[in-house]
């Protein structure tokens, strides 16, 4: 099993209980499952930022040129193949990138979908993680494959979603 280091930042003033979610355990489980899709490393690292609609709207405008809030953004660090020596793999974490989730949007979507905020946050985190690993959804077929993989990842941590889930907007 691989080791995953997750830096979680909650930038919202209300800073509710979402930080009590076992993010590091979840990401470790997911990355272990997806390890064959990753460059070999002993330690993987990523950051997760929980924010509000106002901040994610600014990021969405700046990076995607869409002046509206979204649920999740992912900024991959593995854009290029980077060979790592055995010494590098054993001493340095492989940085996968950053995931930003709007808890405001996640809360609305959880209500609309009829599941808990924790489930919605996990769903969005899996979506962001898959983007960090190079997954994308330019067409319906690839979107359905990505959504199926997200459902598998949620099941690994004991969560489920309903079958009619609408896709994230990222």
Protein backbone atom coordinates (compact mmCIF):
# COMPACT_ATOMS: atom_id res chain seq x y z
CA UNK A 1 0.00 0.00 0.00
CA UNK A 2 1.28 3.44 -0.87
CA UNK A 3 1.52 6.45 1.40
CA UNK A 4 -0.41 9.61 0.57
CA UNK A 5 0.12 13.01 2.12
CA UNK A 6 -2.89 15.32 1.84
CA UNK A 7 -2.77 18.97 2.79
CA UNK A 8 -6.32 20.13 3.56
CA UNK A 9 -7.12 23.84 3.74
CA UNK A 10 -10.55 25.12 4.67
CA UNK A 11 -10.59 28.77 3.64
CA UNK A 12 -14.20 29.45 4.59
CA UNK A 13 -14.77 31.73 7.59
CA UNK A 14 -17.31 29.32 9.08
CA UNK A 15 -14.85 26.38 8.78
CA UNK A 16 -17.45 23.76 9.59
CA UNK A 17 -16.91 20.08 10.36
CA UNK A 18 -15.84 18.92 6.88
CA UNK A 19 -12.23 18.91 8.08
CA UNK A 20 -13.21 15.96 10.33
CA UNK A 21 -13.51 13.84 7.17
CA UNK A 22 -10.66 11.28 6.99
CA UNK A 23 -9.31 12.77 3.76
CA UNK A 24 -5.85 11.22 3.97
CA UNK A 25 -7.27 7.71 4.48
CA UNK A 26 -9.71 8.18 1.61
CA UNK A 27 -7.08 9.43 -0.82
CA UNK A 28 -4.70 6.67 0.24
CA UNK A 29 -7.41 4.09 -0.50
CA UNK A 30 -8.25 5.67 -3.86
CA UNK A 31 -4.65 6.07 -4.97
CA UNK A 32 -3.82 2.50 -3.96
CA UNK A 33 -6.71 1.36 -6.16
CA UNK A 34 -5.54 3.58 -9.05
CA UNK A 35 -1.81 3.00 -8.53
CA UNK A 36 -1.32 1.31 -11.91
CA UNK A 37 -2.30 4.63 -13.55
CA UNK A 38 0.39 6.57 -11.68
CA UNK A 39 4.13 6.95 -12.04
CA UNK A 40 5.81 4.75 -9.45
CA UNK A 41 6.50 6.50 -6.15
CA UNK A 42 6.66 5.57 -2.47
CA UNK A 43 4.74 8.67 -1.40
CA UNK A 44 2.14 10.68 -3.28
CA UNK A 45 1.17 14.20 -2.28
CA UNK A 46 -1.75 16.46 -3.16
CA UNK A 47 -3.58 19.43 -1.72
CA UNK A 48 -7.29 19.81 -1.14
CA UNK A 49 -8.81 23.25 -0.62
CA UNK A 50 -12.36 23.56 0.71
CA UNK A 51 -13.72 26.96 -0.15
CA UNK A 52 -16.87 28.91 -0.97
CA UNK A 53 -18.57 29.95 -4.21
CA UNK A 54 -16.95 33.40 -4.23
CA UNK A 55 -13.39 32.06 -4.22
CA UNK A 56 -14.00 29.22 -6.68
CA UNK A 57 -15.72 31.66 -9.03
CA UNK A 58 -12.53 33.75 -9.15
CA UNK A 59 -10.44 30.63 -9.83
CA UNK A 60 -12.89 29.41 -12.47
CA UNK A 61 -12.72 32.79 -14.22
CA UNK A 62 -8.94 32.97 -13.99
CA UNK A 63 -8.16 29.43 -15.18
CA UNK A 64 -11.18 28.35 -17.22
CA UNK A 65 -12.52 31.74 -18.36
CA UNK A 66 -15.95 30.94 -16.96
CA UNK A 67 -17.31 33.68 -14.73
CA UNK A 68 -19.40 31.48 -12.46
CA UNK A 69 -18.88 29.24 -9.47
CA UNK A 70 -18.30 25.55 -10.07
CA UNK A 71 -18.22 22.55 -7.76
CA UNK A 72 -14.66 21.28 -8.23
CA UNK A 73 -11.47 22.38 -9.97
CA UNK A 74 -8.35 20.28 -10.40
CA UNK A 75 -4.88 21.56 -11.19
CA UNK A 76 -2.71 18.62 -12.24
CA UNK A 77 1.02 18.67 -11.62
CA UNK A 78 1.68 15.58 -13.76
CA UNK A 79 1.30 17.27 -17.13
CA UNK A 80 4.58 15.83 -18.43
CA UNK A 81 6.28 12.46 -17.95
CA UNK A 82 8.96 13.04 -15.39
CA UNK A 83 11.32 10.11 -14.82
CA UNK A 84 12.22 9.61 -11.18
CA UNK A 85 15.23 7.65 -10.01
CA UNK A 86 14.81 5.07 -7.28
CA UNK A 87 16.51 7.45 -4.86
CA UNK A 88 14.07 10.24 -5.74
CA UNK A 89 11.08 7.86 -5.38
CA UNK A 90 12.18 6.74 -1.95
CA UNK A 91 12.91 10.21 -0.55
CA UNK A 92 10.57 12.67 -2.26
CA UNK A 93 6.78 12.64 -2.56
CA UNK A 94 5.38 12.73 -6.07
CA UNK A 95 3.19 15.83 -6.15
CA UNK A 96 -0.05 15.12 -8.04
CA UNK A 97 -1.60 18.60 -7.87
CA UNK A 98 -4.38 20.62 -6.25
CA UNK A 99 -8.11 20.01 -5.88
CA UNK A 100 -10.42 22.89 -4.97
CA UNK A 101 -14.02 22.21 -3.89
CA UNK A 102 -16.75 24.74 -3.25
CA UNK A 103 -18.58 23.55 -0.15
CA UNK A 104 -21.41 25.99 -1.00
CA UNK A 105 -22.05 24.26 -4.33
CA UNK A 106 -21.43 20.82 -2.82
CA UNK A 107 -24.06 21.51 -0.17
CA UNK A 108 -26.65 22.50 -2.78
CA UNK A 109 -25.83 19.47 -4.92
CA UNK A 110 -26.05 17.12 -1.92
CA UNK A 111 -29.53 18.41 -1.18
CA UNK A 112 -30.57 18.09 -4.84
CA UNK A 113 -29.19 14.54 -5.05
CA UNK A 114 -30.63 13.45 -1.71
CA UNK A 115 -27.42 12.40 -0.01
CA UNK A 116 -25.14 13.78 2.69
CA UNK A 117 -22.67 16.61 2.28
CA UNK A 118 -19.90 14.16 3.19
CA UNK A 119 -20.89 11.92 0.27
CA UNK A 120 -20.98 14.89 -2.11
CA UNK A 121 -17.57 16.11 -0.96
CA UNK A 122 -16.14 12.62 -1.46
CA UNK A 123 -17.76 12.43 -4.91
CA UNK A 124 -16.22 15.74 -5.93
CA UNK A 125 -12.84 14.76 -4.45
CA UNK A 126 -12.82 11.58 -6.56
CA UNK A 127 -13.68 13.64 -9.63
CA UNK A 128 -10.82 16.02 -8.92
CA UNK A 129 -8.42 13.16 -8.24
CA UNK A 130 -9.23 11.50 -11.55
CA UNK A 131 -8.55 14.80 -13.31
CA UNK A 132 -5.17 14.98 -11.53
CA UNK A 133 -4.40 11.53 -12.94
CA UNK A 134 -5.21 12.58 -16.50
CA UNK A 135 -8.84 11.54 -16.80
CA UNK A 136 -11.09 13.89 -18.75
CA UNK A 137 -14.62 13.87 -20.11
CA UNK A 138 -14.73 15.60 -23.50
CA UNK A 139 -17.58 13.33 -24.65
CA UNK A 140 -20.44 11.32 -23.19
CA UNK A 141 -18.57 7.99 -23.31
CA UNK A 142 -15.55 9.25 -21.37
CA UNK A 143 -17.83 11.06 -18.91
CA UNK A 144 -19.72 7.84 -18.18
CA UNK A 145 -16.43 5.96 -17.69
CA UNK A 146 -15.26 8.64 -15.28
CA UNK A 147 -18.54 8.61 -13.34
CA UNK A 148 -18.39 4.81 -13.10
CA UNK A 149 -14.83 5.02 -11.74
CA UNK A 150 -15.98 7.62 -9.18
CA UNK A 151 -18.72 5.26 -8.02
CA UNK A 152 -16.13 2.48 -7.58
CA UNK A 153 -13.89 4.79 -5.56
CA UNK A 154 -16.77 5.79 -3.29
CA UNK A 155 -17.65 2.14 -2.70
CA UNK A 156 -14.06 1.52 -1.57
CA UNK A 157 -14.65 3.87 1.38
CA UNK A 158 -18.16 2.63 2.10
CA UNK A 159 -20.15 5.40 0.40
CA UNK A 160 -22.66 5.15 -2.43
CA UNK A 161 -24.55 7.54 -4.63
CA UNK A 162 -27.80 7.12 -6.49
CA UNK A 163 -27.64 5.95 -10.11
CA UNK A 164 -29.14 9.12 -11.54
CA UNK A 165 -26.32 11.33 -10.33
CA UNK A 166 -25.75 14.40 -12.48
CA UNK A 167 -22.18 14.98 -13.54
CA UNK A 168 -19.96 17.56 -11.86
CA UNK A 169 -19.40 20.69 -13.86
CA UNK A 170 -15.58 20.53 -13.81
